[in-house]
Amino acid sequence: MTITYAYHRVTTDPRQWRGVADGFAAGRTLGGAGAVLYGIWRSQIGRPRDELSVITAWPDGVTAKLAEAALTASVDAISDISTEIMRPTVRPIVPDRPIRQGNYAFRWFSTPAVNWDEFLDLCAAAWPGFESAYDSQVIGLWRMSDERTGGAVEEASGVGISSGIRSLLLTRRPDLAMWERSKLPQGRAEEVVRETLSRRYDLCDWTVVNTSTLLTAEDTVDTARWA
């Protein structure tokens, strides 16, 4: 079965991010549409406080408009939302939602089509070493489609900025300290991982990253005031 995913960027009314997130979580079966709530993240570094990133997973396919309507049904205090349909590449294989708290990095890429296959190969080659060295997990790498709602240009995800293949890489580290640690290789094995990731980085035309924490985590509730 091929799972279709939808990424939703949600801006809430001021100070209403928690209530909106709770409303989404209460409807995690998405009205019986056969879809599931994959995760809700709140801004840590790089995005506004009252912005949520939400991913939903759909076993039977869906349009961006329908996914957005199902997510937001009966949830108030939303001032803006955009939704994009995206499809998994190397990961995730199955839609097992992330449940561990941590430092989640949403990195967006725009990659020339001629470089796309090499880009995927480099990701797959680097991930095992990255995960073992830094107690980190690659949650998924999704290719974004043209099926979307929202504006013609969105600087947060590269819409309308570059003509390449846009993708979203979601990774989890235990904390921000490990984020910094993962940028400073120690020993030859870690240097190889960093060289591979740097090559991937150099293949793209545009990239940006922001970090978040997982509101739907089952182990630890993050109560820090980040943004």
Protein backbone atom coordinates (compact mmCIF):
# COMPACT_ATOMS: atom_id res chain seq x y z
CA MET A 1 0.00 0.00 0.00
CA THR A 2 1.30 3.44 -0.95
CA ILE A 3 0.71 6.05 1.74
CA THR A 4 0.12 9.65 0.77
CA TYR A 5 1.28 12.25 3.27
CA ALA A 6 0.18 15.85 3.70
CA TYR A 7 2.27 18.57 5.30
CA HIS A 8 0.28 21.39 6.90
CA ARG A 9 1.83 24.68 8.03
CA VAL A 10 -0.62 26.23 10.47
CA THR A 11 -0.53 29.75 11.88
CA THR A 12 -2.75 30.17 14.92
CA ASP A 13 -4.19 33.27 16.50
CA PRO A 14 -1.76 34.79 19.04
CA ARG A 15 -1.05 32.48 21.98
CA GLN A 16 -3.46 29.83 20.70
CA TRP A 17 -0.96 27.26 19.41
CA ARG A 18 -1.54 24.86 22.30
CA GLY A 19 -5.32 24.91 22.00
CA VAL A 20 -5.19 24.39 18.24
CA ALA A 21 -2.74 21.51 18.63
CA ASP A 22 -5.00 19.92 21.25
CA GLY A 23 -7.91 20.25 18.84
CA PHE A 24 -5.98 18.49 16.10
CA ALA A 25 -4.89 15.72 18.46
CA ALA A 26 -8.45 15.15 19.65
CA GLY A 27 -9.45 14.39 16.06
CA ARG A 28 -6.48 12.22 15.20
CA THR A 29 -8.65 9.80 13.17
CA LEU A 30 -9.53 12.78 10.96
CA GLY A 31 -13.25 12.23 10.99
CA GLY A 32 -13.12 8.57 10.08
CA ALA A 33 -11.61 9.32 6.68
CA GLY A 34 -9.14 6.45 7.03
CA ALA A 35 -6.24 8.81 7.65
CA VAL A 36 -4.14 9.27 10.77
CA LEU A 37 -2.40 12.16 12.44
CA TYR A 38 1.31 11.48 11.97
CA GLY A 39 2.57 14.26 14.21
CA ILE A 40 2.28 17.84 15.44
CA TRP A 41 5.38 19.98 16.04
CA ARG A 42 5.77 23.45 17.51
CA SER A 43 8.47 25.95 16.70
CA GLN A 44 11.76 25.73 18.55
CA ILE A 45 14.20 27.77 16.44
CA GLY A 46 13.65 29.51 13.13
CA ARG A 47 9.86 29.85 12.86
CA PRO A 48 7.23 31.96 14.66
CA ARG A 49 5.95 30.88 18.07
CA ASP A 50 2.35 30.51 16.87
CA GLU A 51 3.15 28.27 13.93
CA LEU A 52 2.59 24.50 13.95
CA SER A 53 3.89 21.87 11.55
CA VAL A 54 1.45 19.00 11.13
CA ILE A 55 1.78 15.83 9.04
CA THR A 56 -1.14 13.56 8.22
CA ALA A 57 -1.00 10.16 6.49
CA TRP A 58 -3.62 8.87 4.06
CA PRO A 59 -3.86 5.23 2.93
CA ASP A 60 -6.22 5.90 0.02
CA GLY A 61 -4.78 9.11 -1.39
CA VAL A 62 -6.14 12.60 -0.86
CA THR A 63 -6.05 16.10 -2.30
CA ALA A 64 -4.49 18.97 -0.41
CA LYS A 65 -7.85 20.69 -0.08
CA LEU A 66 -9.58 17.63 1.39
CA ALA A 67 -6.69 16.86 3.77
CA GLU A 68 -6.74 20.44 5.01
CA ALA A 69 -10.52 20.40 5.53
CA ALA A 70 -10.37 17.13 7.47
CA LEU A 71 -7.59 18.38 9.74
CA THR A 72 -9.20 21.70 10.58
CA ALA A 73 -12.82 20.60 10.97
CA SER A 74 -14.22 21.95 14.26
CA VAL A 75 -10.90 23.58 15.21
CA ASP A 76 -10.98 27.33 15.79
CA ALA A 77 -8.32 30.04 16.21
CA ILE A 78 -6.51 29.28 12.93
CA SER A 79 -5.46 32.45 11.12
CA ASP A 80 -3.68 30.84 8.15
CA ILE A 81 -2.87 27.41 6.76
CA SER A 82 -1.18 25.89 3.74
CA THR A 83 -1.14 22.21 2.83
CA GLU A 84 1.10 20.23 0.50
CA ILE A 85 0.78 16.65 -0.67
CA MET A 86 4.07 14.78 -0.42
CA ARG A 87 5.23 11.25 -1.09
CA PRO A 88 7.89 9.22 0.72
CA THR A 89 11.18 8.39 -0.97
CA VAL A 90 13.75 6.24 0.84
CA ARG A 91 11.86 6.72 4.13
CA PRO A 92 9.41 6.26 5.76
CA ILE A 93 8.65 2.74 4.62
CA VAL A 94 5.56 2.50 6.84
CA PRO A 95 3.63 5.33 8.52
CA ASP A 96 4.73 4.59 12.09
CA ARG A 97 4.39 7.98 13.71
CA PRO A 98 7.25 9.39 15.78
CA ILE A 99 6.55 9.28 19.52
CA ARG A 100 9.86 10.26 21.20
CA GLN A 101 10.50 13.84 22.23
CA GLY A 102 13.62 15.54 20.92
CA ASN A 103 15.03 18.15 18.61
CA TYR A 104 13.28 17.70 15.25
CA ALA A 105 14.84 19.40 12.23
CA PHE A 106 12.64 20.23 9.24
CA ARG A 107 15.07 20.77 6.38
CA TRP A 108 13.72 21.79 2.99
CA PHE A 109 15.67 21.27 -0.23
CA SER A 110 15.26 22.27 -3.84
CA THR A 111 17.40 20.01 -6.00
CA PRO A 112 17.90 20.15 -9.79
CA ALA A 113 16.24 17.14 -11.41
CA VAL A 114 19.58 16.05 -12.90
CA ASN A 115 20.99 15.71 -9.36
CA TRP A 116 17.99 14.06 -7.73
CA ASP A 117 19.03 10.39 -7.98
CA GLU A 118 22.49 11.13 -6.61
CA PHE A 119 20.90 13.19 -3.86
CA LEU A 120 18.79 10.18 -2.79
CA ASP A 121 21.77 7.82 -2.99
CA LEU A 122 23.85 10.08 -0.76
CA CYS A 123 21.05 10.28 1.80
CA ALA A 124 20.72 6.51 1.97
CA ALA A 125 24.49 6.09 2.23
CA ALA A 126 24.93 8.62 5.05
CA TRP A 127 21.96 7.84 7.27
CA PRO A 128 23.15 4.63 9.00
CA GLY A 129 26.40 6.25 10.12
CA PHE A 130 24.61 9.45 11.10
CA GLU A 131 22.10 7.57 13.24
CA SER A 132 24.65 5.39 15.01
CA ALA A 133 27.11 8.21 15.71
CA TYR A 134 24.65 10.75 17.08
CA ASP A 135 21.82 8.77 18.70
CA SER A 136 19.60 10.30 16.02
CA GLN A 137 16.91 9.12 13.66
CA VAL A 138 15.94 10.01 10.12
CA ILE A 139 12.15 10.07 10.24
CA GLY A 140 11.55 10.63 6.56
CA LEU A 141 12.47 12.26 3.28
CA TRP A 142 9.45 13.25 1.23
CA ARG A 143 9.23 14.59 -2.29
CA MET A 144 6.80 17.48 -2.51
CA SER A 145 4.15 17.50 -5.22
CA ASP A 146 2.46 20.37 -7.03
CA GLU A 147 -0.81 19.49 -5.27
CA ARG A 148 -1.11 22.18 -2.63
CA THR A 149 -3.05 25.04 -1.12
CA GLY A 150 -1.61 28.37 -0.03
CA GLY A 151 0.29 31.14 -1.75
CA ALA A 152 2.38 31.11 -4.91
CA VAL A 153 5.53 31.87 -2.89
CA GLU A 154 6.41 30.51 0.55
CA GLU A 155 9.91 31.23 1.77
CA ALA A 156 9.58 28.72 4.61
CA SER A 157 9.47 25.73 2.25
CA GLY A 158 10.82 27.07 -1.03
CA VAL A 159 7.54 27.31 -2.94
CA GLY A 160 8.06 29.63 -5.90
CA ILE A 161 11.73 30.22 -5.04
CA SER A 162 13.43 27.52 -7.07
CA SER A 163 12.36 25.34 -10.00
CA GLY A 164 14.06 22.20 -8.72
CA ILE A 165 12.56 19.15 -7.02
CA ARG A 166 11.49 20.20 -3.55
CA SER A 167 11.82 17.76 -0.67
CA LEU A 168 11.39 17.70 3.09
CA LEU A 169 13.84 15.89 5.35
CA LEU A 170 12.72 15.31 8.94
CA THR A 171 15.34 14.18 11.46
CA ARG A 172 15.29 13.72 15.22
CA ARG A 173 18.16 14.34 17.61
CA PRO A 174 17.91 13.96 21.39
CA ASP A 175 18.48 17.66 22.01
CA LEU A 176 20.09 20.82 20.68
CA ALA A 177 23.46 19.82 22.11
CA MET A 178 23.47 16.82 19.77
CA TRP A 179 22.52 19.13 16.88
CA GLU A 180 25.77 21.01 17.42
CA ARG A 181 27.71 17.83 18.07
CA SER A 182 26.54 16.33 14.75
CA LYS A 183 28.15 19.22 12.87
CA LEU A 184 31.58 18.58 14.43
CA PRO A 185 32.82 15.13 13.39
CA GLN A 186 35.15 13.20 15.67
CA GLY A 187 37.17 10.48 14.02
CA ARG A 188 37.35 9.25 10.44
CA ALA A 189 34.00 7.43 10.46
CA GLU A 190 32.14 10.60 11.40
CA GLU A 191 34.17 12.59 8.88
CA VAL A 192 32.95 10.25 6.13
CA VAL A 193 29.35 10.80 7.21
CA ARG A 194 29.84 14.57 7.19
CA GLU A 195 31.54 14.49 3.79
CA THR A 196 28.63 12.53 2.33
CA LEU A 197 26.06 14.89 3.80
CA SER A 198 28.07 17.88 2.61
CA ARG A 199 28.07 16.49 -0.93
CA ARG A 200 24.29 16.17 -0.75
CA TYR A 201 24.09 19.74 0.53
CA ASP A 202 26.17 20.97 -2.41
CA LEU A 203 23.90 19.30 -4.99
CA CYS A 204 20.88 21.45 -4.17
CA ASP A 205 20.02 24.94 -5.39
CA TRP A 206 18.36 26.04 -2.16
CA THR A 207 17.93 24.74 1.38
CA VAL A 208 16.72 25.99 4.75
CA VAL A 209 16.19 24.40 8.16
CA ASN A 210 14.18 25.07 11.29
CA THR A 211 13.87 23.04 14.47
CA SER A 212 10.81 21.96 16.43
CA THR A 213 9.70 19.80 19.31
CA LEU A 214 7.02 17.12 19.13
CA LEU A 215 3.71 18.00 20.73
CA THR A 216 2.40 14.47 20.17
CA ALA A 217 5.36 12.82 21.92
CA GLU A 218 4.43 10.05 24.35
CA ASP A 219 7.47 10.21 26.64
CA THR A 220 8.14 13.86 27.54
CA VAL A 221 6.15 17.07 27.27
CA ASP A 222 8.25 20.04 26.21
CA THR A 223 7.29 23.09 28.28
CA ALA A 224 10.22 25.36 27.36
CA ARG A 225 9.61 28.77 25.79
CA TRP A 226 11.72 28.53 22.65
CA ALA A 227 10.56 31.07 20.10
